Amino acid sequence: MNKLKCGDQVVVVTGSAKGSVGEILKFQGKDRVLVKGVNLRTKHIKPKPQLGVEGGRVAKELSLHVSNVALQNPQTSKADRVGFKKLNDGTWVRFFKSNQEQVAN
């Protein structure tokens, strides 16, 4: 089970983008995530007239390691640790360790 899922709001806790908040767009492999609007770099694109692609500079999100992001607790608006617990009906849910609230899916 992953502590993070696509669509979660996360906070970057280390690195050059520290403090930035964004939504997880997708996972790249097991340990890297793309976060919307975070870790932007400029990529130079060569024009390809046969394909109808214009050249220029494009801002592109680069991946971050999973250990550098933490789930954002909506009540405190801060990064929080996540745990798992089993409910009475047998399903597993994620919860915030600071206030024991269940993570909304």
PDB file of N, CA and C in Angstrom:
ATOM      1  N   MET A   1       0.844  -1.186   0.000  1.00  0.00           N
ATOM      2  CA  MET A   1       0.000   0.000   0.000  1.00  0.00           C
ATOM      3  C   MET A   1       0.882   1.239   0.000  1.00  0.00           C
ATOM      4  N   ASN A   2       0.490   2.186  -0.797  1.00  0.00           N
ATOM      5  CA  ASN A   2       1.213   3.448  -0.858  1.00  0.00           C
ATOM      6  C   ASN A   2       0.590   4.463   0.077  1.00  0.00           C
ATOM      7  N   LYS A   3       1.432   5.275   0.678  1.00  0.00           N
ATOM      8  CA  LYS A   3       0.919   6.335   1.535  1.00  0.00           C
ATOM      9  C   LYS A   3       0.433   7.518   0.703  1.00  0.00           C
ATOM     10  N   LEU A   4       0.918   7.617  -0.532  1.00  0.00           N
ATOM     11  CA  LEU A   4       0.508   8.690  -1.439  1.00  0.00           C
ATOM     12  C   LEU A   4      -0.207   8.089  -2.636  1.00  0.00           C
ATOM     13  N   LYS A   5      -1.174   8.849  -3.166  1.00  0.00           N
ATOM     14  CA  LYS A   5      -1.918   8.421  -4.352  1.00  0.00           C
ATOM     15  C   LYS A   5      -2.016   9.588  -5.321  1.00  0.00           C
ATOM     16  N   CYS A   6      -2.325   9.291  -6.579  1.00  0.00           N
ATOM     17  CA  CYS A   6      -2.552  10.349  -7.564  1.00  0.00           C
ATOM     18  C   CYS A   6      -3.744  11.187  -7.124  1.00  0.00           C
ATOM     19  N   GLY A   7      -3.605  12.504  -7.250  1.00  0.00           N
ATOM     20  CA  GLY A   7      -4.676  13.408  -6.853  1.00  0.00           C
ATOM     21  C   GLY A   7      -4.514  13.955  -5.446  1.00  0.00           C
ATOM     22  N   ASP A   8      -3.583  13.443  -4.656  1.00  0.00           N
ATOM     23  CA  ASP A   8      -3.358  13.945  -3.299  1.00  0.00           C
ATOM     24  C   ASP A   8      -2.674  15.308  -3.332  1.00  0.00           C
ATOM     25  N   GLN A   9      -3.025  16.166  -2.370  1.00  0.00           N
ATOM     26  CA  GLN A   9      -2.331  17.443  -2.186  1.00  0.00           C
ATOM     27  C   GLN A   9      -1.112  17.182  -1.324  1.00  0.00           C
ATOM     28  N   VAL A  10       0.069  17.555  -1.826  1.00  0.00           N
ATOM     29  CA  VAL A  10       1.305  17.310  -1.093  1.00  0.00           C
ATOM     30  C   VAL A  10       2.088  18.602  -0.915  1.00  0.00           C
ATOM     31  N   VAL A  11       2.980  18.581   0.086  1.00  0.00           N
ATOM     32  CA  VAL A  11       3.887  19.688   0.368  1.00  0.00           C
ATOM     33  C   VAL A  11       5.299  19.170   0.150  1.00  0.00           C
ATOM     34  N   VAL A  12       6.131  19.963  -0.531  1.00  0.00           N
ATOM     35  CA  VAL A  12       7.528  19.592  -0.721  1.00  0.00           C
ATOM     36  C   VAL A  12       8.268  19.967   0.562  1.00  0.00           C
ATOM     37  N   VAL A  13       8.958  18.995   1.181  1.00  0.00           N
ATOM     38  CA  VAL A  13       9.589  19.234   2.473  1.00  0.00           C
ATOM     39  C   VAL A  13      11.083  19.512   2.381  1.00  0.00           C
ATOM     40  N   THR A  14      11.735  19.166   1.279  1.00  0.00           N
ATOM     41  CA  THR A  14      13.159  19.456   1.116  1.00  0.00           C
ATOM     42  C   THR A  14      13.446  19.822  -0.333  1.00  0.00           C
ATOM     43  N   GLY A  15      14.612  20.383  -0.550  1.00  0.00           N
ATOM     44  CA  GLY A  15      15.054  20.707  -1.904  1.00  0.00           C
ATOM     45  C   GLY A  15      14.772  22.147  -2.282  1.00  0.00           C
ATOM     46  N   SER A  16      14.993  22.461  -3.545  1.00  0.00           N
ATOM     47  CA  SER A  16      14.856  23.835  -4.030  1.00  0.00           C
ATOM     48  C   SER A  16      13.405  24.305  -4.059  1.00  0.00           C
ATOM     49  N   ALA A  17      12.460  23.373  -4.110  1.00  0.00           N
ATOM     50  CA  ALA A  17      11.035  23.720  -4.156  1.00  0.00           C
ATOM     51  C   ALA A  17      10.386  23.594  -2.776  1.00  0.00           C
ATOM     52  N   LYS A  18      11.177  23.665  -1.717  1.00  0.00           N
ATOM     53  CA  LYS A  18      10.669  23.459  -0.356  1.00  0.00           C
ATOM     54  C   LYS A  18       9.531  24.419  -0.046  1.00  0.00           C
ATOM     55  N   GLY A  19       8.444  23.889   0.527  1.00  0.00           N
ATOM     56  CA  GLY A  19       7.286  24.690   0.889  1.00  0.00           C
ATOM     57  C   GLY A  19       6.226  24.783  -0.188  1.00  0.00           C
ATOM     58  N   SER A  20       6.536  24.332  -1.390  1.00  0.00           N
ATOM     59  CA  SER A  20       5.571  24.380  -2.481  1.00  0.00           C
ATOM     60  C   SER A  20       4.485  23.329  -2.275  1.00  0.00           C
ATOM     61  N   VAL A  21       3.264  23.687  -2.682  1.00  0.00           N
ATOM     62  CA  VAL A  21       2.124  22.784  -2.545  1.00  0.00           C
ATOM     63  C   VAL A  21       1.587  22.484  -3.934  1.00  0.00           C
ATOM     64  N   GLY A  22       1.258  21.230  -4.185  1.00  0.00           N
ATOM     65  CA  GLY A  22       0.699  20.855  -5.476  1.00  0.00           C
ATOM     66  C   GLY A  22       0.017  19.504  -5.398  1.00  0.00           C
ATOM     67  N   GLU A  23      -0.567  19.121  -6.510  1.00  0.00           N
ATOM     68  CA  GLU A  23      -1.306  17.872  -6.614  1.00  0.00           C
ATOM     69  C   GLU A  23      -0.457  16.849  -7.362  1.00  0.00           C
ATOM     70  N   ILE A  24      -0.470  15.617  -6.899  1.00  0.00           N
ATOM     71  CA  ILE A  24       0.284  14.556  -7.581  1.00  0.00           C
ATOM     72  C   ILE A  24      -0.408  14.228  -8.894  1.00  0.00           C
ATOM     73  N   LEU A  25       0.321  14.382  -9.990  1.00  0.00           N
ATOM     74  CA  LEU A  25      -0.216  14.062 -11.312  1.00  0.00           C
ATOM     75  C   LEU A  25      -0.062  12.582 -11.642  1.00  0.00           C
ATOM     76  N   LYS A  26       1.153  12.060 -11.420  1.00  0.00           N
ATOM     77  CA  LYS A  26       1.374  10.644 -11.690  1.00  0.00           C
ATOM     78  C   LYS A  26       2.665  10.183 -11.027  1.00  0.00           C
ATOM     79  N   PHE A  27       2.794   8.871 -10.920  1.00  0.00           N
ATOM     80  CA  PHE A  27       3.992   8.250 -10.382  1.00  0.00           C
ATOM     81  C   PHE A  27       4.882   7.821 -11.536  1.00  0.00           C
ATOM     82  N   GLN A  28       6.176   8.001 -11.362  1.00  0.00           N
ATOM     83  CA  GLN A  28       7.145   7.504 -12.334  1.00  0.00           C
ATOM     84  C   GLN A  28       7.972   6.439 -11.635  1.00  0.00           C
ATOM     85  N   GLY A  29       7.651   5.204 -11.898  1.00  0.00           N
ATOM     86  CA  GLY A  29       8.285   4.110 -11.180  1.00  0.00           C
ATOM     87  C   GLY A  29       7.692   3.994  -9.787  1.00  0.00           C
ATOM     88  N   LYS A  30       8.454   3.421  -8.851  1.00  0.00           N
ATOM     89  CA  LYS A  30       7.948   3.238  -7.501  1.00  0.00           C
ATOM     90  C   LYS A  30       8.224   4.423  -6.602  1.00  0.00           C
ATOM     91  N   ASP A  31       9.288   5.182  -6.892  1.00  0.00           N
ATOM     92  CA  ASP A  31       9.747   6.146  -5.916  1.00  0.00           C
ATOM     93  C   ASP A  31       9.844   7.588  -6.410  1.00  0.00           C
ATOM     94  N   ARG A  32       9.229   7.906  -7.536  1.00  0.00           N
ATOM     95  CA  ARG A  32       9.268   9.287  -8.030  1.00  0.00           C
ATOM     96  C   ARG A  32       7.859   9.742  -8.394  1.00  0.00           C
ATOM     97  N   VAL A  33       7.562  11.028  -8.139  1.00  0.00           N
ATOM     98  CA  VAL A  33       6.233  11.576  -8.419  1.00  0.00           C
ATOM     99  C   VAL A  33       6.354  12.873  -9.198  1.00  0.00           C
ATOM    100  N   LEU A  34       5.353  13.141 -10.038  1.00  0.00           N
ATOM    101  CA  LEU A  34       5.223  14.425 -10.718  1.00  0.00           C
ATOM    102  C   LEU A  34       4.183  15.229  -9.956  1.00  0.00           C
ATOM    103  N   VAL A  35       4.560  16.439  -9.536  1.00  0.00           N
ATOM    104  CA  VAL A  35       3.658  17.294  -8.783  1.00  0.00           C
ATOM    105  C   VAL A  35       3.347  18.519  -9.636  1.00  0.00           C
ATOM    106  N   LYS A  36       2.053  18.820  -9.776  1.00  0.00           N
ATOM    107  CA  LYS A  36       1.596  19.906 -10.640  1.00  0.00           C
ATOM    108  C   LYS A  36       2.118  21.262 -10.158  1.00  0.00           C
ATOM    109  N   GLY A  37       2.831  21.968 -11.041  1.00  0.00           N
ATOM    110  CA  GLY A  37       3.313  23.309 -10.752  1.00  0.00           C
ATOM    111  C   GLY A  37       4.540  23.379  -9.865  1.00  0.00           C
ATOM    112  N   VAL A  38       5.182  22.250  -9.586  1.00  0.00           N
ATOM    113  CA  VAL A  38       6.342  22.213  -8.695  1.00  0.00           C
ATOM    114  C   VAL A  38       7.533  21.649  -9.454  1.00  0.00           C
ATOM    115  N   ASN A  39       8.727  22.162  -9.157  1.00  0.00           N
ATOM    116  CA  ASN A  39       9.976  21.717  -9.772  1.00  0.00           C
ATOM    117  C   ASN A  39       9.953  21.943 -11.287  1.00  0.00           C
ATOM    118  N   LEU A  40       9.555  23.144 -11.696  1.00  0.00           N
ATOM    119  CA  LEU A  40       9.468  23.479 -13.120  1.00  0.00           C
ATOM    120  C   LEU A  40      10.851  23.786 -13.682  1.00  0.00           C
ATOM    121  N   ARG A  41      11.123  23.282 -14.874  1.00  0.00           N
ATOM    122  CA  ARG A  41      12.356  23.561 -15.592  1.00  0.00           C
ATOM    123  C   ARG A  41      11.992  23.935 -17.018  1.00  0.00           C
ATOM    124  N   THR A  42      12.855  24.705 -17.671  1.00  0.00           N
ATOM    125  CA  THR A  42      12.622  25.131 -19.042  1.00  0.00           C
ATOM    126  C   THR A  42      13.255  24.137 -20.001  1.00  0.00           C
ATOM    127  N   LYS A  43      12.456  23.652 -20.931  1.00  0.00           N
ATOM    128  CA  LYS A  43      12.944  22.723 -21.946  1.00  0.00           C
ATOM    129  C   LYS A  43      12.841  23.413 -23.297  1.00  0.00           C
ATOM    130  N   HIS A  44      13.921  23.352 -24.058  1.00  0.00           N
ATOM    131  CA  HIS A  44      13.960  23.959 -25.379  1.00  0.00           C
ATOM    132  C   HIS A  44      13.510  22.924 -26.410  1.00  0.00           C
ATOM    133  N   ILE A  45      12.488  23.279 -27.186  1.00  0.00           N
ATOM    134  CA  ILE A  45      11.901  22.367 -28.166  1.00  0.00           C
ATOM    135  C   ILE A  45      12.304  22.816 -29.569  1.00  0.00           C
ATOM    136  N   LYS A  46      12.793  21.865 -30.348  1.00  0.00           N
ATOM    137  CA  LYS A  46      13.173  22.147 -31.727  1.00  0.00           C
ATOM    138  C   LYS A  46      11.922  22.092 -32.605  1.00  0.00           C
ATOM    139  N   PRO A  47      11.743  23.045 -33.512  1.00  0.00           N
ATOM    140  CA  PRO A  47      10.544  23.011 -34.361  1.00  0.00           C
ATOM    141  C   PRO A  47      10.561  21.823 -35.324  1.00  0.00           C
ATOM    142  N   LYS A  48       9.364  21.250 -35.554  1.00  0.00           N
ATOM    143  CA  LYS A  48       9.204  20.143 -36.493  1.00  0.00           C
ATOM    144  C   LYS A  48       8.022  20.485 -37.380  1.00  0.00           C
ATOM    145  N   PRO A  49       8.259  21.204 -38.489  1.00  0.00           N
ATOM    146  CA  PRO A  49       7.158  21.657 -39.340  1.00  0.00           C
ATOM    147  C   PRO A  49       6.335  20.519 -39.950  1.00  0.00           C
ATOM    148  N   GLN A  50       6.959  19.374 -40.206  1.00  0.00           N
ATOM    149  CA  GLN A  50       6.228  18.260 -40.795  1.00  0.00           C
ATOM    150  C   GLN A  50       5.153  17.741 -39.842  1.00  0.00           C
ATOM    151  N   LEU A  51       5.409  17.838 -38.533  1.00  0.00           N
ATOM    152  CA  LEU A  51       4.457  17.370 -37.529  1.00  0.00           C
ATOM    153  C   LEU A  51       3.599  18.503 -36.975  1.00  0.00           C
ATOM    154  N   GLY A  52       3.878  19.733 -37.410  1.00  0.00           N
ATOM    155  CA  GLY A  52       3.112  20.880 -36.938  1.00  0.00           C
ATOM    156  C   GLY A  52       3.489  21.329 -35.530  1.00  0.00           C
ATOM    157  N   VAL A  53       4.724  21.005 -35.106  1.00  0.00           N
ATOM    158  CA  VAL A  53       5.177  21.386 -33.766  1.00  0.00           C
ATOM    159  C   VAL A  53       6.011  22.654 -33.859  1.00  0.00           C
ATOM    160  N   GLU A  54       5.606  23.665 -33.091  1.00  0.00           N
ATOM    161  CA  GLU A  54       6.378  24.904 -33.049  1.00  0.00           C
ATOM    162  C   GLU A  54       7.538  24.743 -32.093  1.00  0.00           C
ATOM    163  N   GLY A  55       8.612  25.430 -32.386  1.00  0.00           N
ATOM    164  CA  GLY A  55       9.761  25.427 -31.494  1.00  0.00           C
ATOM    165  C   GLY A  55       9.599  26.473 -30.412  1.00  0.00           C
ATOM    166  N   GLY A  56      10.463  26.422 -29.425  1.00  0.00           N
ATOM    167  CA  GLY A  56      10.430  27.421 -28.368  1.00  0.00           C
ATOM    168  C   GLY A  56      10.812  26.831 -27.028  1.00  0.00           C
ATOM    169  N   ARG A  57      10.502  27.592 -25.985  1.00  0.00           N
ATOM    170  CA  ARG A  57      10.814  27.167 -24.629  1.00  0.00           C
ATOM    171  C   ARG A  57       9.519  26.786 -23.916  1.00  0.00           C
ATOM    172  N   VAL A  58       9.533  25.638 -23.271  1.00  0.00           N
ATOM    173  CA  VAL A  58       8.348  25.116 -22.601  1.00  0.00           C
ATOM    174  C   VAL A  58       8.704  24.825 -21.139  1.00  0.00           C
ATOM    175  N   ALA A  59       7.841  25.274 -20.223  1.00  0.00           N
ATOM    176  CA  ALA A  59       8.028  24.934 -18.818  1.00  0.00           C
ATOM    177  C   ALA A  59       7.502  23.523 -18.585  1.00  0.00           C
ATOM    178  N   LYS A  60       8.317  22.692 -17.938  1.00  0.00           N
ATOM    179  CA  LYS A  60       7.976  21.280 -17.760  1.00  0.00           C
ATOM    180  C   LYS A  60       8.252  20.884 -16.316  1.00  0.00           C
ATOM    181  N   GLU A  61       7.331  20.083 -15.731  1.00  0.00           N
ATOM    182  CA  GLU A  61       7.536  19.588 -14.380  1.00  0.00           C
ATOM    183  C   GLU A  61       8.481  18.395 -14.411  1.00  0.00           C
ATOM    184  N   LEU A  62       9.461  18.408 -13.518  1.00  0.00           N
ATOM    185  CA  LEU A  62      10.333  17.258 -13.360  1.00  0.00           C
ATOM    186  C   LEU A  62       9.917  16.500 -12.104  1.00  0.00           C
ATOM    187  N   SER A  63      10.292  15.246 -12.054  1.00  0.00           N
ATOM    188  CA  SER A  63       9.851  14.404 -10.943  1.00  0.00           C
ATOM    189  C   SER A  63      10.628  14.713  -9.668  1.00  0.00           C
ATOM    190  N   LEU A  64      10.004  14.387  -8.542  1.00  0.00           N
ATOM    191  CA  LEU A  64      10.600  14.496  -7.223  1.00  0.00           C
ATOM    192  C   LEU A  64      10.603  13.116  -6.590  1.00  0.00           C
ATOM    193  N   HIS A  65      11.544  12.880  -5.698  1.00  0.00           N
ATOM    194  CA  HIS A  65      11.554  11.622  -4.973  1.00  0.00           C
ATOM    195  C   HIS A  65      10.437  11.631  -3.938  1.00  0.00           C
ATOM    196  N   VAL A  66       9.835  10.478  -3.707  1.00  0.00           N
ATOM    197  CA  VAL A  66       8.702  10.371  -2.789  1.00  0.00           C
ATOM    198  C   VAL A  66       9.080  10.833  -1.381  1.00  0.00           C
ATOM    199  N   SER A  67      10.318  10.627  -0.986  1.00  0.00           N
ATOM    200  CA  SER A  67      10.738  11.010   0.362  1.00  0.00           C
ATOM    201  C   SER A  67      10.804  12.523   0.544  1.00  0.00           C
ATOM    202  N   ASN A  68      10.772  13.277  -0.535  1.00  0.00           N
ATOM    203  CA  ASN A  68      10.842  14.741  -0.458  1.00  0.00           C
ATOM    204  C   ASN A  68       9.479  15.411  -0.419  1.00  0.00           C
ATOM    205  N   VAL A  69       8.402  14.635  -0.445  1.00  0.00           N
ATOM    206  CA  VAL A  69       7.058  15.199  -0.365  1.00  0.00           C
ATOM    207  C   VAL A  69       6.297  14.541   0.782  1.00  0.00           C
ATOM    208  N   ALA A  70       5.354  15.293   1.352  1.00  0.00           N
ATOM    209  CA  ALA A  70       4.514  14.764   2.425  1.00  0.00           C
ATOM    210  C   ALA A  70       3.085  15.198   2.164  1.00  0.00           C
ATOM    211  N   LEU A  71       2.150  14.367   2.573  1.00  0.00           N
ATOM    212  CA  LEU A  71       0.733  14.658   2.394  1.00  0.00           C
ATOM    213  C   LEU A  71       0.338  15.881   3.214  1.00  0.00           C
ATOM    214  N   GLN A  72      -0.471  16.766   2.627  1.00  0.00           N
ATOM    215  CA  GLN A  72      -0.904  17.976   3.315  1.00  0.00           C
ATOM    216  C   GLN A  72      -2.187  17.703   4.088  1.00  0.00           C
ATOM    217  N   ASN A  73      -2.161  18.049   5.378  1.00  0.00           N
ATOM    218  CA  ASN A  73      -3.340  17.908   6.223  1.00  0.00           C
ATOM    219  C   ASN A  73      -4.226  19.124   5.981  1.00  0.00           C
ATOM    220  N   PRO A  74      -5.471  18.950   5.513  1.00  0.00           N
ATOM    221  CA  PRO A  74      -6.315  20.102   5.180  1.00  0.00           C
ATOM    222  C   PRO A  74      -6.727  20.933   6.399  1.00  0.00           C
ATOM    223  N   GLN A  75      -6.749  20.338   7.597  1.00  0.00           N
ATOM    224  CA  GLN A  75      -7.145  21.105   8.771  1.00  0.00           C
ATOM    225  C   GLN A  75      -6.042  22.039   9.255  1.00  0.00           C
ATOM    226  N   THR A  76      -4.781  21.616   9.136  1.00  0.00           N
ATOM    227  CA  THR A  76      -3.669  22.433   9.597  1.00  0.00           C
ATOM    228  C   THR A  76      -2.920  23.113   8.456  1.00  0.00           C
ATOM    229  N   SER A  77      -3.166  22.690   7.229  1.00  0.00           N
ATOM    230  CA  SER A  77      -2.462  23.178   6.035  1.00  0.00           C
ATOM    231  C   SER A  77      -0.957  22.980   6.139  1.00  0.00           C
ATOM    232  N   LYS A  78      -0.543  21.938   6.837  1.00  0.00           N
ATOM    233  CA  LYS A  78       0.870  21.611   6.973  1.00  0.00           C
ATOM    234  C   LYS A  78       1.104  20.170   6.528  1.00  0.00           C
ATOM    235  N   ALA A  79       2.367  19.834   6.321  1.00  0.00           N
ATOM    236  CA  ALA A  79       2.729  18.466   5.970  1.00  0.00           C
ATOM    237  C   ALA A  79       2.501  17.568   7.172  1.00  0.00           C
ATOM    238  N   ASP A  80       2.044  16.359   6.913  1.00  0.00           N
ATOM    239  CA  ASP A  80       1.739  15.439   8.001  1.00  0.00           C
ATOM    240  C   ASP A  80       2.131  14.027   7.610  1.00  0.00           C
ATOM    241  N   ARG A  81       2.426  13.218   8.613  1.00  0.00           N
ATOM    242  CA  ARG A  81       2.742  11.814   8.376  1.00  0.00           C
ATOM    243  C   ARG A  81       1.446  11.023   8.236  1.00  0.00           C
ATOM    244  N   VAL A  82       1.553   9.897   7.539  1.00  0.00           N
ATOM    245  CA  VAL A  82       0.373   9.094   7.233  1.00  0.00           C
ATOM    246  C   VAL A  82       0.587   7.682   7.756  1.00  0.00           C
ATOM    247  N   GLY A  83      -0.471   7.097   8.313  1.00  0.00           N
ATOM    248  CA  GLY A  83      -0.447   5.713   8.756  1.00  0.00           C
ATOM    249  C   GLY A  83      -1.635   4.969   8.187  1.00  0.00           C
ATOM    250  N   PHE A  84      -1.697   3.676   8.479  1.00  0.00           N
ATOM    251  CA  PHE A  84      -2.796   2.835   8.019  1.00  0.00           C
ATOM    252  C   PHE A  84      -3.465   2.203   9.230  1.00  0.00           C
ATOM    253  N   LYS A  85      -4.782   2.070   9.154  1.00  0.00           N
ATOM    254  CA  LYS A  85      -5.484   1.302  10.178  1.00  0.00           C
ATOM    255  C   LYS A  85      -6.628   0.539   9.525  1.00  0.00           C
ATOM    256  N   LYS A  86      -6.979  -0.551  10.176  1.00  0.00           N
ATOM    257  CA  LYS A  86      -8.012  -1.431   9.662  1.00  0.00           C
ATOM    258  C   LYS A  86      -9.317  -1.113  10.372  1.00  0.00           C
ATOM    259  N   LEU A  87     -10.365  -0.874   9.595  1.00  0.00           N
ATOM    260  CA  LEU A  87     -11.683  -0.598  10.165  1.00  0.00           C
ATOM    261  C   LEU A  87     -12.373  -1.904  10.546  1.00  0.00           C
ATOM    262  N   ASN A  88     -13.490  -1.782  11.240  1.00  0.00           N
ATOM    263  CA  ASN A  88     -14.228  -2.964  11.693  1.00  0.00           C
ATOM    264  C   ASN A  88     -14.739  -3.828  10.547  1.00  0.00           C
ATOM    265  N   ASP A  89     -15.018  -3.195   9.396  1.00  0.00           N
ATOM    266  CA  ASP A  89     -15.513  -3.968   8.251  1.00  0.00           C
ATOM    267  C   ASP A  89     -14.390  -4.629   7.449  1.00  0.00           C
ATOM    268  N   GLY A  90     -13.133  -4.472   7.884  1.00  0.00           N
ATOM    269  CA  GLY A  90     -12.010  -5.135   7.234  1.00  0.00           C
ATOM    270  C   GLY A  90     -11.283  -4.319   6.199  1.00  0.00           C
ATOM    271  N   THR A  91     -11.725  -3.088   5.912  1.00  0.00           N
ATOM    272  CA  THR A  91     -11.045  -2.255   4.928  1.00  0.00           C
ATOM    273  C   THR A  91      -9.929  -1.456   5.594  1.00  0.00           C
ATOM    274  N   TRP A  92      -8.888  -1.196   4.829  1.00  0.00           N
ATOM    275  CA  TRP A  92      -7.767  -0.402   5.304  1.00  0.00           C
ATOM    276  C   TRP A  92      -7.955   1.042   4.851  1.00  0.00           C
ATOM    277  N   VAL A  93      -7.666   1.989   5.733  1.00  0.00           N
ATOM    278  CA  VAL A  93      -7.759   3.411   5.404  1.00  0.00           C
ATOM    279  C   VAL A  93      -6.488   4.117   5.847  1.00  0.00           C
ATOM    280  N   ARG A  94      -6.204   5.231   5.190  1.00  0.00           N
ATOM    281  CA  ARG A  94      -5.083   6.075   5.586  1.00  0.00           C
ATOM    282  C   ARG A  94      -5.569   7.085   6.619  1.00  0.00           C
ATOM    283  N   PHE A  95      -4.689   7.457   7.557  1.00  0.00           N
ATOM    284  CA  PHE A  95      -5.050   8.469   8.537  1.00  0.00           C
ATOM    285  C   PHE A  95      -3.835   9.336   8.836  1.00  0.00           C
ATOM    286  N   PHE A  96      -4.106  10.582   9.272  1.00  0.00           N
ATOM    287  CA  PHE A  96      -3.041  11.497   9.649  1.00  0.00           C
ATOM    288  C   PHE A  96      -2.584  11.160  11.060  1.00  0.00           C
ATOM    289  N   LYS A  97      -1.277  11.086  11.260  1.00  0.00           N
ATOM    290  CA  LYS A  97      -0.748  10.695  12.568  1.00  0.00           C
ATOM    291  C   LYS A  97      -0.928  11.788  13.616  1.00  0.00           C
ATOM    292  N   SER A  98      -1.015  13.051  13.223  1.00  0.00           N
ATOM    293  CA  SER A  98      -1.089  14.131  14.211  1.00  0.00           C
ATOM    294  C   SER A  98      -2.442  14.218  14.888  1.00  0.00           C
ATOM    295  N   ASN A  99      -3.529  14.052  14.125  1.00  0.00           N
ATOM    296  CA  ASN A  99      -4.858  14.205  14.726  1.00  0.00           C
ATOM    297  C   ASN A  99      -5.770  12.992  14.531  1.00  0.00           C
ATOM    298  N   GLN A 100      -5.224  11.897  14.028  1.00  0.00           N
ATOM    299  CA  GLN A 100      -5.943  10.632  13.854  1.00  0.00           C
ATOM    300  C   GLN A 100      -7.149  10.742  12.918  1.00  0.00           C
ATOM    301  N   GLU A 101      -7.243  11.785  12.107  1.00  0.00           N
ATOM    302  CA  GLU A 101      -8.336  11.946  11.149  1.00  0.00           C
ATOM    303  C   GLU A 101      -8.076  11.084   9.919  1.00  0.00           C
ATOM    304  N   GLN A 102      -9.123  10.555   9.352  1.00  0.00           N
ATOM    305  CA  GLN A 102      -9.023   9.728   8.156  1.00  0.00           C
ATOM    306  C   GLN A 102      -8.761  10.614   6.949  1.00  0.00           C
ATOM    307  N   VAL A 103      -7.900  10.152   6.052  1.00  0.00           N
ATOM    308  CA  VAL A 103      -7.597  10.882   4.822  1.00  0.00           C
ATOM    309  C   VAL A 103      -8.748  10.718   3.856  1.00  0.00           C
ATOM    310  N   ALA A 104      -9.250  11.829   3.330  1.00  0.00           N
ATOM    311  CA  ALA A 104     -10.342  11.776   2.343  1.00  0.00           C
ATOM    312  C   ALA A 104      -9.779  11.282   1.024  1.00  0.00           C
ATOM    313  N   ASN A 105     -10.448  10.317   0.416  1.00  0.00           N
ATOM    314  CA  ASN A 105      -9.978   9.770  -0.863  1.00  0.00           C
ATOM    315  C   ASN A 105     -10.557  10.501  -2.011  1.00  0.00           C
TER     316      ASN A 105
END
